[in-house]
């Protein structure tokens, strides 16, 4: 497999691994094994795993911000009605 495609596939797999808001040990081990199967270097595998954990935190904060925003919107509507 071409390296560029392998990297894109690995990023996609890493994003899926944290979609539920956490990364279990078994998921991390499977992700590492997938990276090795794709022929990726250990440094790249670790970097992409860190990226996915950072994305997970960004997604958590975004959900909180959206919930807060929706609550504020509801309060404004309730005050007007």
N, C-alpha and C. Protein backbone atom coordinates (compact mmCIF):
# COMPACT_ATOMS: atom_id res chain seq x y z
N UNK A 1 0.85 -1.17 0.00
CA UNK A 1 0.00 0.00 0.00
C UNK A 1 0.90 1.23 0.00
N UNK A 2 0.49 2.21 -0.74
CA UNK A 2 1.22 3.48 -0.81
C UNK A 2 1.22 4.15 0.57
N UNK A 3 2.35 4.76 0.96
CA UNK A 3 2.49 5.34 2.29
C UNK A 3 1.43 6.41 2.57
N UNK A 4 1.18 7.28 1.61
CA UNK A 4 0.19 8.35 1.82
C UNK A 4 -1.19 7.76 2.13
N UNK A 5 -1.58 6.75 1.41
CA UNK A 5 -2.87 6.10 1.64
C UNK A 5 -2.88 5.40 3.01
N UNK A 6 -1.78 4.75 3.35
CA UNK A 6 -1.68 4.06 4.65
C UNK A 6 -1.85 5.05 5.79
N UNK A 7 -1.24 6.22 5.67
CA UNK A 7 -1.35 7.25 6.71
C UNK A 7 -2.80 7.73 6.81
N UNK A 8 -3.44 7.98 5.67
CA UNK A 8 -4.83 8.44 5.69
C UNK A 8 -5.74 7.40 6.32
N UNK A 9 -5.53 6.14 5.99
CA UNK A 9 -6.33 5.05 6.57
C UNK A 9 -6.11 5.00 8.08
N UNK A 10 -4.87 5.16 8.51
CA UNK A 10 -4.57 5.09 9.94
C UNK A 10 -5.21 6.26 10.70
N UNK A 11 -5.18 7.45 10.13
CA UNK A 11 -5.87 8.58 10.77
C UNK A 11 -7.36 8.28 10.90
N UNK A 12 -7.94 7.71 9.87
CA UNK A 12 -9.36 7.36 9.89
C UNK A 12 -9.65 6.34 11.00
N UNK A 13 -8.81 5.33 11.11
CA UNK A 13 -8.98 4.31 12.15
C UNK A 13 -8.83 4.92 13.55
N UNK A 14 -7.88 5.82 13.69
CA UNK A 14 -7.66 6.47 14.98
C UNK A 14 -8.87 7.31 15.37
N UNK A 15 -9.46 7.99 14.41
CA UNK A 15 -10.65 8.81 14.69
C UNK A 15 -11.82 7.92 15.12
N UNK A 16 -11.95 6.78 14.48
CA UNK A 16 -13.02 5.84 14.84
C UNK A 16 -12.79 5.30 16.25
N UNK A 17 -11.54 5.05 16.59
CA UNK A 17 -11.22 4.46 17.90
C UNK A 17 -11.66 5.34 19.06
N UNK A 18 -11.70 6.65 18.87
CA UNK A 18 -12.06 7.55 19.96
C UNK A 18 -13.45 8.16 19.80
N UNK A 19 -14.22 7.64 18.87
CA UNK A 19 -15.54 8.22 18.56
C UNK A 19 -16.46 8.21 19.78
N UNK A 20 -16.28 7.24 20.67
CA UNK A 20 -17.15 7.14 21.85
C UNK A 20 -16.66 7.99 23.02
N UNK A 21 -15.58 8.73 22.82
CA UNK A 21 -15.10 9.62 23.88
C UNK A 21 -14.04 9.05 24.78
N UNK A 22 -13.56 7.86 24.48
CA UNK A 22 -12.43 7.32 25.24
C UNK A 22 -11.67 6.32 24.38
N UNK A 23 -10.48 6.00 24.83
CA UNK A 23 -9.64 5.03 24.13
C UNK A 23 -9.20 3.98 25.14
N UNK A 24 -9.79 2.81 25.02
CA UNK A 24 -9.47 1.72 25.94
C UNK A 24 -8.09 1.14 25.59
N UNK A 25 -7.50 0.47 26.55
CA UNK A 25 -6.18 -0.14 26.34
C UNK A 25 -6.23 -1.11 25.16
N UNK A 26 -7.26 -1.92 25.09
CA UNK A 26 -7.37 -2.90 24.01
C UNK A 26 -7.52 -2.20 22.65
N UNK A 27 -8.22 -1.06 22.63
CA UNK A 27 -8.37 -0.31 21.38
C UNK A 27 -7.03 0.29 20.95
N UNK A 28 -6.28 0.79 21.93
CA UNK A 28 -4.96 1.35 21.63
C UNK A 28 -4.03 0.27 21.09
N UNK A 29 -4.07 -0.91 21.70
CA UNK A 29 -3.23 -2.02 21.24
C UNK A 29 -3.61 -2.43 19.82
N UNK A 30 -4.91 -2.49 19.54
CA UNK A 30 -5.37 -2.84 18.19
C UNK A 30 -4.96 -1.76 17.18
N UNK A 31 -5.07 -0.50 17.59
CA UNK A 31 -4.68 0.60 16.72
C UNK A 31 -3.18 0.51 16.40
N UNK A 32 -2.37 0.23 17.42
CA UNK A 32 -0.93 0.06 17.19
C UNK A 32 -0.65 -1.09 16.22
N UNK A 33 -1.38 -2.20 16.40
CA UNK A 33 -1.19 -3.35 15.52
C UNK A 33 -1.58 -3.00 14.08
N UNK A 34 -2.66 -2.23 13.92
CA UNK A 34 -3.08 -1.80 12.58
C UNK A 34 -2.00 -0.93 11.94
N UNK A 35 -1.44 -0.02 12.74
CA UNK A 35 -0.37 0.84 12.23
C UNK A 35 0.82 0.03 11.75
N UNK A 36 1.18 -0.98 12.53
CA UNK A 36 2.29 -1.85 12.14
C UNK A 36 1.96 -2.61 10.86
N UNK A 37 0.73 -3.11 10.76
CA UNK A 37 0.31 -3.84 9.55
C UNK A 37 0.33 -2.94 8.32
N UNK A 38 0.08 -1.66 8.54
CA UNK A 38 0.11 -0.71 7.42
C UNK A 38 1.53 -0.28 7.08
N UNK A 39 2.50 -0.77 7.86
CA UNK A 39 3.90 -0.46 7.58
C UNK A 39 4.33 0.91 8.09
N UNK A 40 3.63 1.43 9.09
CA UNK A 40 3.95 2.76 9.61
C UNK A 40 4.99 2.66 10.72
N UNK A 41 5.80 3.70 10.84
CA UNK A 41 6.83 3.74 11.88
C UNK A 41 6.20 4.02 13.23
N UNK A 42 6.87 3.57 14.28
CA UNK A 42 6.35 3.74 15.64
C UNK A 42 6.11 5.20 15.99
N UNK A 43 7.02 6.08 15.58
CA UNK A 43 6.86 7.51 15.88
C UNK A 43 5.57 8.06 15.27
N UNK A 44 5.28 7.65 14.06
CA UNK A 44 4.06 8.11 13.39
C UNK A 44 2.82 7.55 14.09
N UNK A 45 2.88 6.30 14.47
CA UNK A 45 1.76 5.68 15.18
C UNK A 45 1.48 6.44 16.47
N UNK A 46 2.53 6.75 17.23
CA UNK A 46 2.35 7.49 18.48
C UNK A 46 1.80 8.90 18.22
N UNK A 47 2.30 9.55 17.19
CA UNK A 47 1.84 10.91 16.87
C UNK A 47 0.36 10.92 16.50
N UNK A 48 -0.06 9.95 15.71
CA UNK A 48 -1.47 9.89 15.30
C UNK A 48 -2.35 9.53 16.50
N UNK A 49 -1.86 8.67 17.38
CA UNK A 49 -2.62 8.33 18.58
C UNK A 49 -2.78 9.56 19.46
N UNK A 50 -1.71 10.35 19.63
CA UNK A 50 -1.82 11.61 20.39
C UNK A 50 -2.82 12.55 19.74
N UNK A 51 -2.77 12.64 18.40
CA UNK A 51 -3.72 13.49 17.67
C UNK A 51 -5.16 13.05 17.97
N UNK A 52 -5.40 11.75 17.94
CA UNK A 52 -6.76 11.26 18.17
C UNK A 52 -7.22 11.58 19.59
N UNK A 53 -6.33 11.49 20.57
CA UNK A 53 -6.68 11.84 21.94
C UNK A 53 -6.98 13.33 22.06
N UNK A 54 -6.20 14.15 21.36
CA UNK A 54 -6.47 15.59 21.35
C UNK A 54 -7.82 15.88 20.70
N UNK A 55 -8.12 15.19 19.62
CA UNK A 55 -9.41 15.37 18.95
C UNK A 55 -10.56 14.96 19.87
N UNK A 56 -10.34 13.91 20.63
CA UNK A 56 -11.35 13.44 21.57
C UNK A 56 -11.66 14.54 22.59
N UNK A 57 -10.62 15.20 23.10
CA UNK A 57 -10.82 16.28 24.06
C UNK A 57 -11.52 17.48 23.42
N UNK A 58 -11.14 17.81 22.20
CA UNK A 58 -11.81 18.90 21.46
C UNK A 58 -13.28 18.58 21.28
N UNK A 59 -13.60 17.36 20.92
CA UNK A 59 -15.00 16.95 20.73
C UNK A 59 -15.79 17.03 22.03
N UNK A 60 -15.15 16.65 23.15
CA UNK A 60 -15.81 16.72 24.46
C UNK A 60 -16.15 18.17 24.80
N UNK A 61 -15.19 19.07 24.59
CA UNK A 61 -15.42 20.48 24.88
C UNK A 61 -16.48 21.06 23.96
N UNK A 62 -16.48 20.66 22.70
CA UNK A 62 -17.47 21.14 21.76
C UNK A 62 -18.87 20.71 22.18
N UNK A 63 -19.03 19.47 22.60
CA UNK A 63 -20.34 19.00 23.08
C UNK A 63 -20.81 19.82 24.27
N UNK A 64 -19.89 20.12 25.19
CA UNK A 64 -20.25 20.93 26.36
C UNK A 64 -20.67 22.33 25.93
N UNK A 65 -19.90 22.94 25.02
CA UNK A 65 -20.23 24.28 24.54
C UNK A 65 -21.57 24.31 23.83
N UNK A 66 -21.85 23.30 23.01
CA UNK A 66 -23.12 23.25 22.31
C UNK A 66 -24.29 23.08 23.28
N UNK A 67 -24.08 22.26 24.29
CA UNK A 67 -25.14 22.07 25.29
C UNK A 67 -25.40 23.38 26.03
N UNK A 68 -24.36 24.07 26.40
CA UNK A 68 -24.51 25.35 27.09
C UNK A 68 -25.20 26.38 26.20
N UNK A 69 -24.80 26.41 24.94
CA UNK A 69 -25.41 27.33 23.99
C UNK A 69 -26.90 27.04 23.81
N UNK A 70 -27.25 25.78 23.69
CA UNK A 70 -28.65 25.40 23.54
C UNK A 70 -29.45 25.76 24.79
N UNK A 71 -28.84 25.57 25.97
CA UNK A 71 -29.52 25.95 27.21
C UNK A 71 -29.77 27.45 27.25
N UNK A 72 -28.77 28.23 26.83
CA UNK A 72 -28.94 29.69 26.80
C UNK A 72 -30.02 30.09 25.81
N UNK A 73 -30.05 29.45 24.66
CA UNK A 73 -31.07 29.73 23.66
C UNK A 73 -32.46 29.43 24.23
N UNK A 74 -32.59 28.29 24.89
CA UNK A 74 -33.88 27.92 25.49
C UNK A 74 -34.33 28.92 26.54
N UNK A 75 -33.37 29.40 27.33
CA UNK A 75 -33.70 30.40 28.35
C UNK A 75 -34.22 31.69 27.72
N UNK A 76 -33.58 32.12 26.64
CA UNK A 76 -34.01 33.33 25.94
C UNK A 76 -35.42 33.15 25.40
N UNK A 77 -35.67 32.01 24.78
CA UNK A 77 -37.01 31.74 24.23
C UNK A 77 -38.04 31.70 25.34
N UNK A 78 -37.71 31.03 26.46
CA UNK A 78 -38.64 30.95 27.58
C UNK A 78 -38.95 32.33 28.16
N UNK A 79 -37.93 33.19 28.21
CA UNK A 79 -38.15 34.54 28.74
C UNK A 79 -39.06 35.37 27.83
N UNK A 80 -39.02 35.08 26.54
CA UNK A 80 -39.83 35.84 25.59
C UNK A 80 -41.26 35.35 25.50
N UNK A 81 -41.49 34.13 25.88
CA UNK A 81 -42.83 33.55 25.75
C UNK A 81 -43.66 33.83 26.97
